[in-house]
Amino acid sequence: MRIYWVIILASLLMAGCGTQVTRMDVNETIDLSGNWNDTDSRLVAEEMITDVLSRPWISNFVSKKGHAPAVIVGSVRNLSHEHINVKTFVADMERALINSGQVEFVASSSERGEIREERKDQDLNASEKTRNEAGQEMGADFMLKGQINTIVDVDGKEQVRYYQVDLTLISMADNRKVWLGQKKIKKLVENAKVRY
């Protein structure tokens, strides 16, 4: 009889350890920990994109130069208290800006290094008809830089988490700041473990 109960208990324990996965819509808001998440990244990127595309710096540039401005992404620093993958946030902005047709993007310094190596390889190994020459790169007209900051206020099992994202678009020709974007997010996290 004892073995019977051991088998039942073991079966129940094994059944309780199974992994359950539920697929969800990527735009559905789920906030488990109160930390920065995909929803925060999407909301900030959407608001920043709407703002940067509605400002006069684009039309001013196009009227002077006659073509869409080329932008390069500089550093977007995470100065918050938690790990935030800024690459996904920046990628969301790049994609939307490029797809708007109003802005062109220049490859980042790490991407350019890889492309330049490929060009060197083509110079030696590709046919003259398909080879891409060095020295034909597009220069950026503007650099996008920014930072993410947080303030955390804790009292017992409650936290208020405040996120502030600041982005700046700087003219490469004369270092003028042509656009300043800012988005703030504030979250009340209850029954939270104290984290800093």
Protein backbone atom coordinates (compact mmCIF):
# COMPACT_ATOMS: atom_id res chain seq x y z
CA MET A 1 0.00 0.00 0.00
CA ARG A 2 2.91 2.30 0.78
CA ILE A 3 4.39 1.85 -2.71
CA TYR A 4 1.01 2.76 -4.18
CA TRP A 5 1.03 6.17 -2.40
CA VAL A 6 4.65 6.80 -3.39
CA ILE A 7 3.78 6.19 -7.05
CA ILE A 8 0.74 8.52 -6.87
CA LEU A 9 2.77 11.25 -5.13
CA ALA A 10 5.60 10.95 -7.67
CA SER A 11 3.09 11.15 -10.54
CA LEU A 12 1.51 14.28 -9.09
CA LEU A 13 4.90 15.94 -8.61
CA MET A 14 5.97 15.14 -12.16
CA ALA A 15 2.68 16.46 -13.58
CA GLY A 16 3.10 19.72 -11.64
CA CYS A 17 6.60 20.31 -13.07
CA GLY A 18 5.51 20.42 -16.72
CA THR A 19 6.11 23.56 -18.75
CA GLN A 20 3.12 25.35 -20.19
CA VAL A 21 3.50 27.80 -23.07
CA THR A 22 0.79 30.17 -24.26
CA ARG A 23 1.26 32.11 -27.49
CA MET A 24 0.20 35.74 -27.33
CA ASP A 25 -0.21 38.75 -29.57
CA VAL A 26 3.06 40.72 -29.61
CA ASN A 27 1.15 43.97 -28.98
CA GLU A 28 -0.54 42.59 -25.84
CA THR A 29 0.65 44.38 -22.71
CA ILE A 30 1.99 42.04 -20.06
CA ASP A 31 3.98 43.44 -17.17
CA LEU A 32 5.18 40.67 -14.86
CA SER A 33 7.99 42.29 -12.89
CA GLY A 34 7.55 46.00 -13.45
CA ASN A 35 10.91 46.13 -15.23
CA TRP A 36 11.40 47.70 -18.66
CA ASN A 37 9.86 45.32 -21.19
CA ASP A 38 8.83 44.99 -24.83
CA THR A 39 5.75 47.15 -24.35
CA ASP A 40 7.82 50.00 -22.91
CA SER A 41 10.27 49.72 -25.79
CA ARG A 42 7.47 49.76 -28.38
CA LEU A 43 5.61 52.69 -26.78
CA VAL A 44 8.75 54.81 -26.50
CA ALA A 45 9.83 54.04 -30.07
CA GLU A 46 6.36 54.82 -31.48
CA GLU A 47 6.10 58.15 -29.67
CA MET A 48 9.65 59.19 -30.56
CA ILE A 49 9.13 58.29 -34.24
CA THR A 50 5.89 60.26 -34.47
CA ASP A 51 7.60 63.24 -32.88
CA VAL A 52 10.84 63.21 -34.90
CA LEU A 53 8.97 62.87 -38.22
CA SER A 54 6.64 65.76 -37.42
CA ARG A 55 9.36 68.33 -36.74
CA PRO A 56 10.73 70.90 -39.22
CA TRP A 57 14.32 69.60 -39.32
CA ILE A 58 13.41 67.19 -42.16
CA SER A 59 11.71 69.75 -44.41
CA ASN A 60 14.44 72.31 -43.65
CA PHE A 61 17.11 69.82 -44.70
CA VAL A 62 15.27 68.67 -47.85
CA SER A 63 14.65 72.26 -48.98
CA LYS A 64 18.37 73.08 -48.63
CA LYS A 65 19.89 69.83 -49.93
CA GLY A 66 17.19 68.41 -52.19
CA HIS A 67 17.30 64.86 -50.79
CA ALA A 68 16.30 62.90 -47.70
CA PRO A 69 18.65 63.22 -44.71
CA ALA A 70 20.98 60.32 -43.89
CA VAL A 71 21.09 59.38 -40.20
CA ILE A 72 23.49 57.22 -38.23
CA VAL A 73 22.83 55.87 -34.75
CA GLY A 74 25.48 56.75 -32.20
CA SER A 75 25.41 55.50 -28.64
CA VAL A 76 22.12 55.07 -26.81
CA ARG A 77 23.30 54.43 -23.28
CA ASN A 78 21.46 52.55 -20.59
CA LEU A 79 22.04 54.54 -17.39
CA SER A 80 19.17 52.85 -15.58
CA HIS A 81 19.32 50.55 -12.57
CA GLU A 82 18.38 47.49 -14.66
CA HIS A 83 19.47 45.68 -17.79
CA ILE A 84 17.75 47.18 -20.84
CA ASN A 85 18.50 45.91 -24.32
CA VAL A 86 18.68 49.22 -26.17
CA LYS A 87 19.33 47.46 -29.49
CA THR A 88 15.70 46.34 -29.87
CA PHE A 89 14.46 49.84 -29.09
CA VAL A 90 16.90 51.41 -31.60
CA ALA A 91 16.02 48.79 -34.24
CA ASP A 92 12.31 49.66 -33.86
CA MET A 93 13.11 53.32 -34.48
CA GLU A 94 15.44 52.64 -37.43
CA ARG A 95 12.87 50.41 -39.14
CA ALA A 96 10.02 52.90 -38.77
CA LEU A 97 12.13 55.87 -39.85
CA ILE A 98 13.47 54.08 -42.94
CA ASN A 99 9.99 52.80 -43.84
CA SER A 100 8.60 56.34 -43.57
CA GLY A 101 10.56 57.22 -46.73
CA GLN A 102 11.63 60.52 -45.16
CA VAL A 103 14.97 59.38 -43.73
CA GLU A 104 17.85 57.16 -44.88
CA PHE A 105 20.09 55.33 -42.42
CA VAL A 106 23.83 54.81 -42.67
CA ALA A 107 25.35 51.61 -41.25
CA SER A 108 26.85 51.83 -37.76
CA SER A 109 30.59 51.69 -37.22
CA SER A 110 30.50 47.98 -36.33
CA GLU A 111 28.38 47.19 -39.41
CA ARG A 112 30.65 49.28 -41.64
CA GLY A 113 33.72 47.33 -40.51
CA GLU A 114 32.18 44.06 -41.67
CA ILE A 115 31.04 45.58 -44.96
CA ARG A 116 34.47 47.07 -45.63
CA GLU A 117 36.07 43.65 -45.08
CA GLU A 118 33.66 42.17 -47.61
CA ARG A 119 34.54 44.94 -50.08
CA LYS A 120 38.25 44.12 -49.69
CA ASP A 121 37.46 40.47 -50.35
CA GLN A 122 35.43 41.43 -53.44
CA ASP A 123 38.33 43.52 -54.69
CA LEU A 124 40.47 40.38 -54.78
CA ASN A 125 37.93 37.70 -55.63
CA ALA A 126 34.84 39.12 -57.37
CA SER A 127 34.56 39.78 -61.09
CA GLU A 128 35.06 43.35 -62.24
CA LYS A 129 31.41 43.50 -63.29
CA THR A 130 30.05 42.61 -59.81
CA ARG A 131 32.74 44.18 -57.62
CA ASN A 132 31.78 47.14 -55.39
CA GLU A 133 34.46 49.80 -55.15
CA ALA A 134 35.76 51.32 -51.94
CA GLY A 135 35.26 55.02 -51.34
CA GLN A 136 31.61 55.11 -52.45
CA GLU A 137 29.97 55.15 -49.00
CA MET A 138 27.25 57.63 -48.08
CA GLY A 139 28.14 59.99 -45.27
CA ALA A 140 25.64 60.68 -42.50
CA ASP A 141 24.02 64.09 -42.20
CA PHE A 142 22.79 63.54 -38.63
CA MET A 143 23.64 61.35 -35.63
CA LEU A 144 21.00 60.03 -33.23
CA LYS A 145 22.25 59.70 -29.64
CA GLY A 146 20.52 59.17 -26.33
CA GLN A 147 20.17 57.63 -22.92
CA ILE A 148 17.71 55.81 -20.69
CA ASN A 149 17.54 56.81 -17.01
CA THR A 150 15.47 55.53 -14.10
CA ILE A 151 14.44 56.60 -10.64
CA VAL A 152 13.09 54.00 -8.22
CA ASP A 153 11.15 54.99 -5.11
CA VAL A 154 10.53 52.15 -2.64
CA ASP A 155 8.31 51.96 0.43
CA GLY A 156 7.75 48.52 1.92
CA LYS A 157 6.34 46.27 -0.79
CA GLU A 158 5.54 49.10 -3.20
CA GLN A 159 7.78 50.69 -5.79
CA VAL A 160 7.35 53.53 -8.21
CA ARG A 161 9.61 53.08 -11.23
CA TYR A 162 10.17 56.13 -13.39
CA TYR A 163 11.86 55.75 -16.79
CA GLN A 164 13.00 58.68 -18.89
CA VAL A 165 14.30 58.23 -22.43
CA ASP A 166 16.06 61.20 -24.01
CA LEU A 167 17.15 61.21 -27.65
CA THR A 168 19.03 63.92 -29.52
CA LEU A 169 19.52 64.33 -33.27
CA ILE A 170 22.74 66.22 -34.02
CA SER A 171 23.85 67.75 -37.33
CA MET A 172 27.16 66.23 -38.46
CA ALA A 173 28.02 69.42 -40.40
CA ASP A 174 27.97 71.85 -37.50
CA ASN A 175 27.07 69.96 -34.26
CA ARG A 176 23.66 71.68 -34.02
CA LYS A 177 21.00 69.80 -32.08
CA VAL A 178 18.04 69.74 -34.49
CA TRP A 179 15.65 67.57 -32.48
CA LEU A 180 15.27 66.60 -28.82
CA GLY A 181 12.90 63.76 -27.99
CA GLN A 182 11.77 62.69 -24.55
CA LYS A 183 9.43 59.97 -23.32
CA LYS A 184 8.58 59.23 -19.69
CA ILE A 185 7.04 56.08 -18.24
CA LYS A 186 5.93 55.69 -14.62
CA LYS A 187 4.89 52.37 -13.07
CA LEU A 188 3.52 51.46 -9.64
CA VAL A 189 4.72 47.96 -8.71
CA GLU A 190 2.94 46.45 -5.71
CA ASN A 191 4.06 43.49 -3.59
CA ALA A 192 7.48 43.90 -5.13
CA LYS A 193 10.71 42.44 -3.89
CA VAL A 194 13.03 45.32 -3.17
CA ARG A 195 15.44 45.69 -6.10
CA TYR A 196 17.82 48.48 -6.98
